[in-house]
C-alpha atoms as a PDB file:
ATOM      1  CA  UNK A   1     -93.694 -77.896  48.444  1.00  0.00           C
ATOM      2  CA  UNK A   2     -94.272 -81.463  49.355  1.00  0.00           C
ATOM      3  CA  UNK A   3     -97.043 -83.715  47.410  1.00  0.00           C
ATOM      4  CA  UNK A   4     -98.680 -86.690  49.179  1.00  0.00           C
ATOM      5  CA  UNK A   5     -99.996 -89.610  47.218  1.00  0.00           C
ATOM      6  CA  UNK A   6    -102.007 -91.976  48.447  1.00  0.00           C
ATOM      7  CA  UNK A   7    -102.187 -95.789  47.133  1.00  0.00           C
ATOM      8  CA  UNK A   8    -105.601 -96.931  46.582  1.00  0.00           C
ATOM      9  CA  UNK A   9    -104.466-100.593  46.848  1.00  0.00           C
ATOM     10  CA  UNK A  10    -102.452-100.002  50.108  1.00  0.00           C
ATOM     11  CA  UNK A  11    -103.951-102.360  52.771  1.00  0.00           C
ATOM     12  CA  UNK A  12    -103.895 -99.744  55.648  1.00  0.00           C
ATOM     13  CA  UNK A  13    -106.219 -97.129  57.277  1.00  0.00           C
ATOM     14  CA  UNK A  14    -105.384 -94.754  54.617  1.00  0.00           C
ATOM     15  CA  UNK A  15    -105.711 -96.800  51.518  1.00  0.00           C
ATOM     16  CA  UNK A  16    -109.211 -97.755  53.040  1.00  0.00           C
ATOM     17  CA  UNK A  17    -110.052 -94.190  53.291  1.00  0.00           C
ATOM     18  CA  UNK A  18    -108.944 -93.297  49.831  1.00  0.00           C
ATOM     19  CA  UNK A  19    -111.274 -96.006  48.601  1.00  0.00           C
ATOM     20  CA  UNK A  20    -114.185 -95.007  50.361  1.00  0.00           C
ATOM     21  CA  UNK A  21    -113.550 -91.489  49.280  1.00  0.00           C
ATOM     22  CA  UNK A  22    -113.411 -92.776  45.799  1.00  0.00           C
ATOM     23  CA  UNK A  23    -116.559 -94.908  46.135  1.00  0.00           C
ATOM     24  CA  UNK A  24    -118.430 -91.448  47.145  1.00  0.00           C
ATOM     25  CA  UNK A  25    -117.158 -89.459  44.159  1.00  0.00           C
ATOM     26  CA  UNK A  26    -118.129 -92.186  41.506  1.00  0.00           C
ATOM     27  CA  UNK A  27    -121.625 -92.556  43.433  1.00  0.00           C
ATOM     28  CA  UNK A  28    -121.643 -88.460  42.837  1.00  0.00           C
ATOM     29  CA  UNK A  29    -120.714 -88.598  39.418  1.00  0.00           C
ATOM     30  CA  UNK A  30    -123.092 -91.257  38.548  1.00  0.00           C
ATOM     31  CA  UNK A  31    -126.125 -89.880  40.285  1.00  0.00           C
ATOM     32  CA  UNK A  32    -125.388 -86.348  38.331  1.00  0.00           C
ATOM     33  CA  UNK A  33    -124.979 -88.223  35.093  1.00  0.00           C
ATOM     34  CA  UNK A  34    -128.501 -90.066  35.716  1.00  0.00           C
ATOM     35  CA  UNK A  35    -130.273 -86.806  36.629  1.00  0.00           C
ATOM     36  CA  UNK A  36    -128.499 -84.780  33.918  1.00  0.00           C
ATOM     37  CA  UNK A  37    -128.732 -87.503  31.148  1.00  0.00           C
ATOM     38  CA  UNK A  38    -132.484 -88.511  32.291  1.00  0.00           C
ATOM     39  CA  UNK A  39    -133.955 -84.934  32.842  1.00  0.00           C
ATOM     40  CA  UNK A  40    -131.798 -82.195  31.714  1.00  0.00           C
ATOM     41  CA  UNK A  41    -130.631 -83.407  28.218  1.00  0.00           C
ATOM     42  CA  UNK A  42    -132.985 -83.547  25.607  1.00  0.00           C
ATOM     43  CA  UNK A  43    -134.033 -86.635  23.392  1.00  0.00           C
ATOM     44  CA  UNK A  44    -132.634 -87.064  20.150  1.00  0.00           C
ATOM     45  CA  UNK A  45    -134.281 -85.321  17.181  1.00  0.00           C
ATOM     46  CA  UNK A  46    -133.963 -88.475  15.325  1.00  0.00           C
ATOM     47  CA  UNK A  47    -133.613 -91.556  17.519  1.00  0.00           C
ATOM     48  CA  UNK A  48    -135.809 -90.172  20.176  1.00  0.00           C
ATOM     49  CA  UNK A  49    -135.327 -91.618  23.785  1.00  0.00           C
ATOM     50  CA  UNK A  50    -133.374 -94.555  22.496  1.00  0.00           C
ATOM     51  CA  UNK A  51    -130.406 -92.219  22.215  1.00  0.00           C
ATOM     52  CA  UNK A  52    -130.236 -92.016  26.089  1.00  0.00           C
ATOM     53  CA  UNK A  53    -128.489 -95.646  26.150  1.00  0.00           C
ATOM     54  CA  UNK A  54    -125.380 -93.308  24.801  1.00  0.00           C
ATOM     55  CA  UNK A  55    -124.676 -92.497  28.365  1.00  0.00           C
ATOM     56  CA  UNK A  56    -124.355 -95.974  29.411  1.00  0.00           C
ATOM     57  CA  UNK A  57    -123.111 -97.261  26.023  1.00  0.00           C
ATOM     58  CA  UNK A  58    -120.146 -94.578  25.313  1.00  0.00           C
ATOM     59  CA  UNK A  59    -118.807 -94.672  28.660  1.00  0.00           C
ATOM     60  CA  UNK A  60    -118.431 -98.483  28.874  1.00  0.00           C
ATOM     61  CA  UNK A  61    -116.736 -98.366  25.577  1.00  0.00           C
ATOM     62  CA  UNK A  62    -114.411 -95.684  26.092  1.00  0.00           C
ATOM     63  CA  UNK A  63    -113.303 -96.731  29.918  1.00  0.00           C
ATOM     64  CA  UNK A  64    -112.708-100.297  28.223  1.00  0.00           C
ATOM     65  CA  UNK A  65    -110.390 -98.650  25.990  1.00  0.00           C
ATOM     66  CA  UNK A  66    -108.686 -97.009  28.824  1.00  0.00           C
ATOM     67  CA  UNK A  67    -108.709-100.358  30.738  1.00  0.00           C
ATOM     68  CA  UNK A  68    -106.750-102.392  27.949  1.00  0.00           C
ATOM     69  CA  UNK A  69    -104.178 -99.316  27.532  1.00  0.00           C
ATOM     70  CA  UNK A  70    -103.708-100.017  31.240  1.00  0.00           C
ATOM     71  CA  UNK A  71    -103.161-103.670  30.251  1.00  0.00           C
ATOM     72  CA  UNK A  72    -100.651-102.462  27.689  1.00  0.00           C
ATOM     73  CA  UNK A  73     -98.835-100.169  29.930  1.00  0.00           C
ATOM     74  CA  UNK A  74     -98.568-102.686  32.990  1.00  0.00           C
ATOM     75  CA  UNK A  75     -97.751-105.479  30.696  1.00  0.00           C
ATOM     76  CA  UNK A  76     -94.816-103.485  29.432  1.00  0.00           C
ATOM     77  CA  UNK A  77     -93.625-102.496  32.604  1.00  0.00           C
ATOM     78  CA  UNK A  78     -93.628-106.138  33.999  1.00  0.00           C
ATOM     79  CA  UNK A  79     -91.401-107.118  30.922  1.00  0.00           C
ATOM     80  CA  UNK A  80     -89.059-104.343  31.680  1.00  0.00           C
ATOM     81  CA  UNK A  81     -89.067-104.256  35.291  1.00  0.00           C
ATOM     82  CA  UNK A  82     -89.940-107.610  36.092  1.00  0.00           C
ATOM     83  CA  UNK A  83     -92.177-106.371  38.978  1.00  0.00           C
ATOM     84  CA  UNK A  84     -95.286-108.882  39.531  1.00  0.00           C
ATOM     85  CA  UNK A  85     -97.141-106.006  40.761  1.00  0.00           C
ATOM     86  CA  UNK A  86     -97.443-104.667  37.360  1.00  0.00           C
ATOM     87  CA  UNK A  87     -98.827-108.333  36.307  1.00  0.00           C
ATOM     88  CA  UNK A  88    -101.511-108.268  38.835  1.00  0.00           C
ATOM     89  CA  UNK A  89    -102.443-104.599  37.770  1.00  0.00           C
ATOM     90  CA  UNK A  90    -102.760-105.816  34.200  1.00  0.00           C
ATOM     91  CA  UNK A  91    -104.802-108.966  35.042  1.00  0.00           C
ATOM     92  CA  UNK A  92    -107.011-106.785  37.021  1.00  0.00           C
ATOM     93  CA  UNK A  93    -107.547-104.418  34.026  1.00  0.00           C
ATOM     94  CA  UNK A  94    -108.004-106.997  31.811  1.00  0.00           C
ATOM     95  CA  UNK A  95    -110.889-108.187  33.597  1.00  0.00           C
ATOM     96  CA  UNK A  96    -112.489-104.756  33.949  1.00  0.00           C
ATOM     97  CA  UNK A  97    -112.098-104.213  30.043  1.00  0.00           C
ATOM     98  CA  UNK A  98    -113.625-107.724  29.633  1.00  0.00           C
ATOM     99  CA  UNK A  99    -116.891-106.573  31.649  1.00  0.00           C
ATOM    100  CA  UNK A 100    -117.356-103.042  29.952  1.00  0.00           C
ATOM    101  CA  UNK A 101    -116.927-104.373  26.429  1.00  0.00           C
ATOM    102  CA  UNK A 102    -119.529-106.893  27.237  1.00  0.00           C
ATOM    103  CA  UNK A 103    -121.372-104.180  28.647  1.00  0.00           C
ATOM    104  CA  UNK A 104    -120.928-102.100  25.555  1.00  0.00           C
ATOM    105  CA  UNK A 105    -121.836-104.937  22.944  1.00  0.00           C
ATOM    106  CA  UNK A 106    -125.024-105.499  24.891  1.00  0.00           C
ATOM    107  CA  UNK A 107    -125.972-101.747  25.479  1.00  0.00           C
ATOM    108  CA  UNK A 108    -125.110-101.440  21.808  1.00  0.00           C
ATOM    109  CA  UNK A 109    -127.290-104.405  20.733  1.00  0.00           C
ATOM    110  CA  UNK A 110    -130.037-103.144  22.336  1.00  0.00           C
ATOM    111  CA  UNK A 111    -129.719 -99.310  20.663  1.00  0.00           C
ATOM    112  CA  UNK A 112    -129.466-100.955  17.456  1.00  0.00           C
ATOM    113  CA  UNK A 113    -132.730-102.745  17.899  1.00  0.00           C
ATOM    114  CA  UNK A 114    -134.401 -99.626  18.699  1.00  0.00           C
ATOM    115  CA  UNK A 115    -133.043 -97.991  16.161  1.00  0.00           C
ATOM    116  CA  UNK A 116    -131.802-100.098  13.217  1.00  0.00           C
ATOM    117  CA  UNK A 117    -134.599-102.708  13.824  1.00  0.00           C
ATOM    118  CA  UNK A 118    -131.847-105.524  14.524  1.00  0.00           C
ATOM    119  CA  UNK A 119    -130.196-106.706  17.745  1.00  0.00           C
ATOM    120  CA  UNK A 120    -126.909-107.487  15.235  1.00  0.00           C
ATOM    121  CA  UNK A 121    -125.502-106.486  11.949  1.00  0.00           C
ATOM    122  CA  UNK A 122    -122.221-107.225  10.414  1.00  0.00           C
ATOM    123  CA  UNK A 123    -120.862-103.703  11.038  1.00  0.00           C
ATOM    124  CA  UNK A 124    -117.395-103.318  11.136  1.00  0.00           C
ATOM    125  CA  UNK A 125    -117.525-101.749  14.542  1.00  0.00           C
ATOM    126  CA  UNK A 126    -119.608-104.464  15.950  1.00  0.00           C
ATOM    127  CA  UNK A 127    -117.538-107.279  14.585  1.00  0.00           C
ATOM    128  CA  UNK A 128    -114.349-105.449  15.652  1.00  0.00           C
ATOM    129  CA  UNK A 129    -115.625-104.863  19.265  1.00  0.00           C
ATOM    130  CA  UNK A 130    -116.448-108.435  19.603  1.00  0.00           C
ATOM    131  CA  UNK A 131    -113.053-109.653  18.451  1.00  0.00           C
ATOM    132  CA  UNK A 132    -111.485-107.194  21.043  1.00  0.00           C
ATOM    133  CA  UNK A 133    -113.842-109.006  23.733  1.00  0.00           C
ATOM    134  CA  UNK A 134    -112.562-112.494  22.171  1.00  0.00           C
ATOM    135  CA  UNK A 135    -108.956-111.419  22.385  1.00  0.00           C
ATOM    136  CA  UNK A 136    -108.779-110.243  26.189  1.00  0.00           C
ATOM    137  CA  UNK A 137    -111.565-112.970  27.040  1.00  0.00           C
ATOM    138  CA  UNK A 138    -108.614-115.377  25.548  1.00  0.00           C
ATOM    139  CA  UNK A 139    -105.935-113.105  27.395  1.00  0.00           C
ATOM    140  CA  UNK A 140    -107.484-114.303  31.037  1.00  0.00           C
ATOM    141  CA  UNK A 141    -108.143-118.047  29.685  1.00  0.00           C
ATOM    142  CA  UNK A 142    -104.338-118.339  28.813  1.00  0.00           C
ATOM    143  CA  UNK A 143    -103.673-116.942  32.325  1.00  0.00           C
ATOM    144  CA  UNK A 144    -105.749-119.702  33.982  1.00  0.00           C
ATOM    145  CA  UNK A 145    -104.420-122.264  31.680  1.00  0.00           C
ATOM    146  CA  UNK A 146    -101.018-121.589  32.637  1.00  0.00           C
ATOM    147  CA  UNK A 147    -101.501-121.285  36.064  1.00  0.00           C
ATOM    148  CA  UNK A 148    -103.188-124.832  35.801  1.00  0.00           C
ATOM    149  CA  UNK A 149    -100.117-126.448  33.670  1.00  0.00           C
ATOM    150  CA  UNK A 150     -97.490-124.833  35.932  1.00  0.00           C
ATOM    151  CA  UNK A 151     -98.867-125.124  39.154  1.00  0.00           C
ATOM    152  CA  UNK A 152     -97.955-121.557  40.290  1.00  0.00           C
ATOM    153  CA  UNK A 153    -100.143-118.930  41.465  1.00  0.00           C
ATOM    154  CA  UNK A 154    -101.753-116.241  38.763  1.00  0.00           C
ATOM    155  CA  UNK A 155    -100.349-113.028  39.802  1.00  0.00           C
ATOM    156  CA  UNK A 156     -97.515-114.517  41.873  1.00  0.00           C
ATOM    157  CA  UNK A 157     -95.382-116.378  39.150  1.00  0.00           C
ATOM    158  CA  UNK A 158     -93.196-115.117  36.594  1.00  0.00           C
ATOM    159  CA  UNK A 159     -93.842-118.196  34.346  1.00  0.00           C
ATOM    160  CA  UNK A 160     -97.293-117.159  34.086  1.00  0.00           C
ATOM    161  CA  UNK A 161     -96.685-113.183  33.738  1.00  0.00           C
ATOM    162  CA  UNK A 162     -94.447-113.095  31.009  1.00  0.00           C
ATOM    163  CA  UNK A 163     -96.505-114.794  28.453  1.00  0.00           C
ATOM    164  CA  UNK A 164     -99.642-113.155  29.672  1.00  0.00           C
ATOM    165  CA  UNK A 165     -97.613-109.763  29.191  1.00  0.00           C
ATOM    166  CA  UNK A 166     -96.770-110.388  25.551  1.00  0.00           C
ATOM    167  CA  UNK A 167    -100.728-111.848  24.838  1.00  0.00           C
ATOM    168  CA  UNK A 168    -101.783-108.432  26.563  1.00  0.00           C
ATOM    169  CA  UNK A 169     -99.460-106.454  24.579  1.00  0.00           C
ATOM    170  CA  UNK A 170    -100.402-107.895  21.366  1.00  0.00           C
ATOM    171  CA  UNK A 171    -104.268-107.724  22.070  1.00  0.00           C
ATOM    172  CA  UNK A 172    -104.087-103.895  22.479  1.00  0.00           C
ATOM    173  CA  UNK A 173    -103.468-103.883  18.692  1.00  0.00           C
ATOM    174  CA  UNK A 174    -107.240-104.088  17.992  1.00  0.00           C
ATOM    175  CA  UNK A 175    -108.148-101.183  20.110  1.00  0.00           C
ATOM    176  CA  UNK A 176    -107.321 -98.708  17.204  1.00  0.00           C
ATOM    177  CA  UNK A 177    -108.894-101.054  14.646  1.00  0.00           C
ATOM    178  CA  UNK A 178    -112.329-100.771  16.795  1.00  0.00           C
ATOM    179  CA  UNK A 179    -111.992 -96.864  17.141  1.00  0.00           C
ATOM    180  CA  UNK A 180    -111.088 -96.348  13.537  1.00  0.00           C
ATOM    181  CA  UNK A 181    -113.236 -98.907  11.788  1.00  0.00           C
ATOM    182  CA  UNK A 182    -116.039 -96.326  11.244  1.00  0.00           C
ATOM    183  CA  UNK A 183    -113.576 -94.298   9.187  1.00  0.00           C
ATOM    184  CA  UNK A 184    -111.707 -97.267   7.537  1.00  0.00           C
ATOM    185  CA  UNK A 185    -114.919 -99.098   6.374  1.00  0.00           C
ATOM    186  CA  UNK A 186    -118.456 -98.464   5.308  1.00  0.00           C
ATOM    187  CA  UNK A 187    -120.416 -98.526   8.852  1.00  0.00           C
ATOM    188  CA  UNK A 188    -123.899 -98.062  10.217  1.00  0.00           C
ATOM    189  CA  UNK A 189    -122.239 -96.933  13.494  1.00  0.00           C
ATOM    190  CA  UNK A 190    -122.048 -92.960  13.229  1.00  0.00           C
ATOM    191  CA  UNK A 191    -118.562 -91.389  13.396  1.00  0.00           C
ATOM    192  CA  UNK A 192    -117.110 -89.361  16.069  1.00  0.00           C
ATOM    193  CA  UNK A 193    -118.954 -86.734  17.759  1.00  0.00           C
ATOM    194  CA  UNK A 194    -117.221 -85.332  20.605  1.00  0.00           C
ATOM    195  CA  UNK A 195    -113.514 -85.627  19.226  1.00  0.00           C
ATOM    196  CA  UNK A 196    -114.738 -84.736  15.938  1.00  0.00           C
ATOM    197  CA  UNK A 197    -112.446 -82.593  13.842  1.00  0.00           C
ATOM    198  CA  UNK A 198    -115.091 -80.041  13.563  1.00  0.00           C
ATOM    199  CA  UNK A 199    -117.005 -78.267  16.205  1.00  0.00           C
ATOM    200  CA  UNK A 200    -119.019 -81.458  17.870  1.00  0.00           C
ATOM    201  CA  UNK A 201    -122.658 -81.545  16.557  1.00  0.00           C
ATOM    202  CA  UNK A 202    -123.927 -81.981  19.933  1.00  0.00           C
ATOM    203  CA  UNK A 203    -126.166 -80.375  22.399  1.00  0.00           C
ATOM    204  CA  UNK A 204    -124.241 -79.114  25.111  1.00  0.00           C
ATOM    205  CA  UNK A 205    -126.952 -80.748  27.670  1.00  0.00           C
ATOM    206  CA  UNK A 206    -125.855 -83.899  25.985  1.00  0.00           C
ATOM    207  CA  UNK A 207    -122.128 -83.433  26.379  1.00  0.00           C
ATOM    208  CA  UNK A 208    -122.638 -82.451  29.852  1.00  0.00           C
ATOM    209  CA  UNK A 209    -124.442 -85.680  30.680  1.00  0.00           C
ATOM    210  CA  UNK A 210    -121.952 -87.605  28.734  1.00  0.00           C
ATOM    211  CA  UNK A 211    -118.787 -86.213  30.568  1.00  0.00           C
ATOM    212  CA  UNK A 212    -120.380 -86.952  33.700  1.00  0.00           C
ATOM    213  CA  UNK A 213    -121.167 -90.427  32.929  1.00  0.00           C
ATOM    214  CA  UNK A 214    -117.424 -91.241  31.483  1.00  0.00           C
ATOM    215  CA  UNK A 215    -116.509 -89.491  35.037  1.00  0.00           C
ATOM    216  CA  UNK A 216    -118.333 -91.695  36.603  1.00  0.00           C
ATOM    217  CA  UNK A 217    -117.495 -94.818  34.948  1.00  0.00           C
ATOM    218  CA  UNK A 218    -113.733 -93.873  34.938  1.00  0.00           C
ATOM    219  CA  UNK A 219    -113.760 -93.306  38.795  1.00  0.00           C
ATOM    220  CA  UNK A 220    -115.820 -96.826  39.143  1.00  0.00           C
ATOM    221  CA  UNK A 221    -113.227 -98.597  37.314  1.00  0.00           C
ATOM    222  CA  UNK A 222    -110.288 -97.170  38.934  1.00  0.00           C
ATOM    223  CA  UNK A 223    -112.185 -98.392  42.383  1.00  0.00           C
ATOM    224  CA  UNK A 224    -112.901-101.791  40.983  1.00  0.00           C
ATOM    225  CA  UNK A 225    -109.234-102.120  40.000  1.00  0.00           C
ATOM    226  CA  UNK A 226    -108.067-100.951  43.801  1.00  0.00           C
ATOM    227  CA  UNK A 227    -110.181-103.462  45.178  1.00  0.00           C
ATOM    228  CA  UNK A 228    -109.128-106.261  43.019  1.00  0.00           C
ATOM    229  CA  UNK A 229    -105.499-105.762  42.888  1.00  0.00           C
ATOM    230  CA  UNK A 230    -105.943-105.778  46.703  1.00  0.00           C
ATOM    231  CA  UNK A 231    -107.717-108.852  47.122  1.00  0.00           C
ATOM    232  CA  UNK A 232    -105.201-110.538  44.690  1.00  0.00           C
ATOM    233  CA  UNK A 233    -102.400-109.495  46.924  1.00  0.00           C
ATOM    234  CA  UNK A 234    -104.467-110.801  50.154  1.00  0.00           C
ATOM    235  CA  UNK A 235    -104.767-113.965  48.913  1.00  0.00           C
ATOM    236  CA  UNK A 236    -101.254-114.289  47.716  1.00  0.00           C
ATOM    237  CA  UNK A 237    -100.259-112.940  51.190  1.00  0.00           C
ATOM    238  CA  UNK A 238    -102.182-115.873  52.867  1.00  0.00           C
ATOM    239  CA  UNK A 239    -100.599-118.559  50.881  1.00  0.00           C
ATOM    240  CA  UNK A 240     -96.979-117.050  51.355  1.00  0.00           C
ATOM    241  CA  UNK A 241     -96.758-116.584  47.614  1.00  0.00           C
ATOM    242  CA  UNK A 242     -96.741-113.047  47.470  1.00  0.00           C
ATOM    243  CA  UNK A 243     -93.884-111.899  45.187  1.00  0.00           C
ATOM    244  CA  UNK A 244     -92.957-108.876  43.391  1.00  0.00           C
ATOM    245  CA  UNK A 245     -89.473-109.632  41.776  1.00  0.00           C
ATOM    246  CA  UNK A 246     -88.049-113.027  41.526  1.00  0.00           C
ATOM    247  CA  UNK A 247     -87.747-116.021  39.067  1.00  0.00           C
ATOM    248  CA  UNK A 248     -90.766-117.662  40.365  1.00  0.00           C
ATOM    249  CA  UNK A 249     -93.022-118.245  43.171  1.00  0.00           C
ATOM    250  CA  UNK A 250     -92.446-120.200  46.385  1.00  0.00           C
ATOM    251  CA  UNK A 251     -94.552-123.349  46.530  1.00  0.00           C
ATOM    252  CA  UNK A 252     -97.549-123.869  48.332  1.00  0.00           C
ATOM    253  CA  UNK A 253    -100.283-126.433  48.685  1.00  0.00           C
ATOM    254  CA  UNK A 254    -102.702-123.654  47.987  1.00  0.00           C
ATOM    255  CA  UNK A 255    -102.975-122.058  44.836  1.00  0.00           C
ATOM    256  CA  UNK A 256    -104.665-118.644  43.693  1.00  0.00           C
ATOM    257  CA  UNK A 257    -106.840-118.460  40.966  1.00  0.00           C
END
């Protein structure tokens, strides 16, 4: 039996169709999550309506983890194979992860204000998440600084890609620190619910809403990555600097940032 795969980043009618289909799927998941979380799932007995922020906060945090894991995988693949396409994937994933981490911090701060009475607490989970955001913001800043110093195109030059790959791999070391911080140190933040070793103490309707929200966030992030990678490749192709392997990028007056 022959298996056919469609590249979401392909700049052709099939790729465009796949992206439109993915967009509709993401919209469907988001609508279902909104209706389930807003009307079907009950309010929390302790936190009341503030608990509904979980359907935004948790998916943002989890998909940020996945995005940074993809930076780790793509950066490793680039160092091993030397393919600059992996570097562009790593850049796109880092951008998505930074946005989602900022969203997780923002929604978490609002949730904390409603439940703890404060916008910010020096809690291990909050502090480690802020450090994670700083690490990958620094990763993107490093890429920009290297592009300005070398004059090469970000996403099309090995002199930028290799140091960035090392930084992207190192940054992932903070992800398990963030995840396990509530177990390693005393924390105001609640421990794992869905992935707890025992039966998760969560209402099935809440679990359904959360699952749909995570699916919506994951699909939307995949779509954003496809669009971002395609845009980078189009810009590089327009300036004659689109390379997958090789020692460096061709020189051109126009540089991609």
